[in-house]
């Protein structure tokens, strides 16, 4: 039987790759039994779907882009001093 630590790792991994049959079945069984891991898996899936949408939204907003003058000022401030 898969424990909660293993289940949380599998829930994360399944978002990035296809799990093997044994892993999928073990995760499904654990999620049927453990409401905490089930909730965690739902939250992970939500974040996995939401993050790219948020990034696209931020990039589409012109007011969040720095002007060339602002970029140059940041470069000067962040440049190491001797």
C-alpha atoms as a PDB file:
ATOM      1  CA  UNK A   1       0.000   0.000   0.000  1.00  0.00           C
ATOM      2  CA  UNK A   2       1.275   3.453  -0.958  1.00  0.00           C
ATOM      3  CA  UNK A   3       1.822   5.926   1.896  1.00  0.00           C
ATOM      4  CA  UNK A   4       0.950   9.649   1.750  1.00  0.00           C
ATOM      5  CA  UNK A   5       4.482  10.760   0.879  1.00  0.00           C
ATOM      6  CA  UNK A   6       4.621   8.356  -2.056  1.00  0.00           C
ATOM      7  CA  UNK A   7       1.122   9.351  -3.166  1.00  0.00           C
ATOM      8  CA  UNK A   8       1.966  13.049  -3.159  1.00  0.00           C
ATOM      9  CA  UNK A   9       5.091  12.370  -5.222  1.00  0.00           C
ATOM     10  CA  UNK A  10       3.115  10.254  -7.695  1.00  0.00           C
ATOM     11  CA  UNK A  11       0.379  12.898  -7.948  1.00  0.00           C
ATOM     12  CA  UNK A  12       3.030  15.440  -8.890  1.00  0.00           C
ATOM     13  CA  UNK A  13       4.805  13.122 -11.310  1.00  0.00           C
ATOM     14  CA  UNK A  14       1.614  12.215 -13.155  1.00  0.00           C
ATOM     15  CA  UNK A  15       1.286  15.858 -14.219  1.00  0.00           C
ATOM     16  CA  UNK A  16       4.635  15.657 -16.012  1.00  0.00           C
ATOM     17  CA  UNK A  17       4.699  12.113 -17.343  1.00  0.00           C
ATOM     18  CA  UNK A  18       2.532   9.056 -17.765  1.00  0.00           C
ATOM     19  CA  UNK A  19       2.755   6.718 -14.811  1.00  0.00           C
ATOM     20  CA  UNK A  20       3.030   2.979 -15.175  1.00  0.00           C
ATOM     21  CA  UNK A  21      -0.020   0.798 -14.586  1.00  0.00           C
ATOM     22  CA  UNK A  22       1.075  -0.263 -11.100  1.00  0.00           C
ATOM     23  CA  UNK A  23       1.775   3.348 -10.095  1.00  0.00           C
ATOM     24  CA  UNK A  24      -1.560   4.587 -11.460  1.00  0.00           C
ATOM     25  CA  UNK A  25      -3.492   1.864  -9.665  1.00  0.00           C
ATOM     26  CA  UNK A  26      -1.614   2.424  -6.419  1.00  0.00           C
ATOM     27  CA  UNK A  27      -2.264   6.154  -6.596  1.00  0.00           C
ATOM     28  CA  UNK A  28      -5.958   5.694  -7.426  1.00  0.00           C
ATOM     29  CA  UNK A  29      -6.383   3.282  -4.537  1.00  0.00           C
ATOM     30  CA  UNK A  30      -4.651   5.626  -2.139  1.00  0.00           C
ATOM     31  CA  UNK A  31      -6.708   8.612  -3.335  1.00  0.00           C
ATOM     32  CA  UNK A  32      -9.902   6.635  -2.778  1.00  0.00           C
ATOM     33  CA  UNK A  33      -8.915   6.080   0.823  1.00  0.00           C
ATOM     34  CA  UNK A  34      -7.114   9.310   1.755  1.00  0.00           C
ATOM     35  CA  UNK A  35      -9.080  12.542   1.466  1.00  0.00           C
ATOM     36  CA  UNK A  36      -6.011  14.628   2.293  1.00  0.00           C
ATOM     37  CA  UNK A  37      -4.011  13.284  -0.631  1.00  0.00           C
ATOM     38  CA  UNK A  38      -7.095  13.505  -2.864  1.00  0.00           C
ATOM     39  CA  UNK A  39      -7.410  17.192  -1.981  1.00  0.00           C
ATOM     40  CA  UNK A  40      -3.671  17.712  -2.526  1.00  0.00           C
ATOM     41  CA  UNK A  41      -3.857  16.046  -5.955  1.00  0.00           C
ATOM     42  CA  UNK A  42      -6.765  18.320  -6.931  1.00  0.00           C
ATOM     43  CA  UNK A  43      -4.836  21.383  -5.816  1.00  0.00           C
ATOM     44  CA  UNK A  44      -1.767  20.289  -7.769  1.00  0.00           C
ATOM     45  CA  UNK A  45      -3.850  19.753 -10.906  1.00  0.00           C
ATOM     46  CA  UNK A  46      -5.444  23.187 -10.501  1.00  0.00           C
ATOM     47  CA  UNK A  47      -2.058  24.890 -10.151  1.00  0.00           C
ATOM     48  CA  UNK A  48      -0.710  22.928 -13.114  1.00  0.00           C
ATOM     49  CA  UNK A  49      -3.564  24.266 -15.271  1.00  0.00           C
ATOM     50  CA  UNK A  50      -3.594  27.784 -13.821  1.00  0.00           C
ATOM     51  CA  UNK A  51       0.118  28.658 -13.922  1.00  0.00           C
ATOM     52  CA  UNK A  52       0.445  28.869 -17.733  1.00  0.00           C
ATOM     53  CA  UNK A  53      -2.760  30.907 -17.940  1.00  0.00           C
ATOM     54  CA  UNK A  54      -1.473  33.359 -15.357  1.00  0.00           C
ATOM     55  CA  UNK A  55       1.827  33.683 -17.190  1.00  0.00           C
ATOM     56  CA  UNK A  56       0.032  34.349 -20.488  1.00  0.00           C
ATOM     57  CA  UNK A  57      -2.182  36.925 -18.800  1.00  0.00           C
ATOM     58  CA  UNK A  58       0.774  38.755 -17.273  1.00  0.00           C
ATOM     59  CA  UNK A  59       2.631  38.787 -20.575  1.00  0.00           C
ATOM     60  CA  UNK A  60      -0.404  40.180 -22.386  1.00  0.00           C
ATOM     61  CA  UNK A  61      -0.610  43.195 -20.087  1.00  0.00           C
ATOM     62  CA  UNK A  62       1.512  46.046 -21.416  1.00  0.00           C
ATOM     63  CA  UNK A  63       1.554  47.925 -18.116  1.00  0.00           C
ATOM     64  CA  UNK A  64       3.643  45.124 -16.584  1.00  0.00           C
ATOM     65  CA  UNK A  65       6.441  45.560 -19.064  1.00  0.00           C
ATOM     66  CA  UNK A  66       9.423  47.693 -18.252  1.00  0.00           C
ATOM     67  CA  UNK A  67      10.462  50.516 -20.531  1.00  0.00           C
ATOM     68  CA  UNK A  68      14.013  50.552 -21.812  1.00  0.00           C
ATOM     69  CA  UNK A  69      14.799  53.385 -19.389  1.00  0.00           C
ATOM     70  CA  UNK A  70      13.519  51.324 -16.454  1.00  0.00           C
ATOM     71  CA  UNK A  71      15.542  48.308 -17.583  1.00  0.00           C
ATOM     72  CA  UNK A  72      18.703  50.416 -17.836  1.00  0.00           C
ATOM     73  CA  UNK A  73      18.133  51.913 -14.390  1.00  0.00           C
ATOM     74  CA  UNK A  74      17.762  48.385 -12.943  1.00  0.00           C
ATOM     75  CA  UNK A  75      20.962  47.273 -14.658  1.00  0.00           C
ATOM     76  CA  UNK A  76      22.830  50.189 -13.108  1.00  0.00           C
ATOM     77  CA  UNK A  77      21.437  49.539  -9.628  1.00  0.00           C
ATOM     78  CA  UNK A  78      22.106  45.793  -9.793  1.00  0.00           C
ATOM     79  CA  UNK A  79      25.592  46.067 -11.278  1.00  0.00           C
ATOM     80  CA  UNK A  80      28.256  45.012  -8.755  1.00  0.00           C
ATOM     81  CA  UNK A  81      30.420  47.821  -7.407  1.00  0.00           C
ATOM     82  CA  UNK A  82      34.177  47.522  -7.011  1.00  0.00           C
END
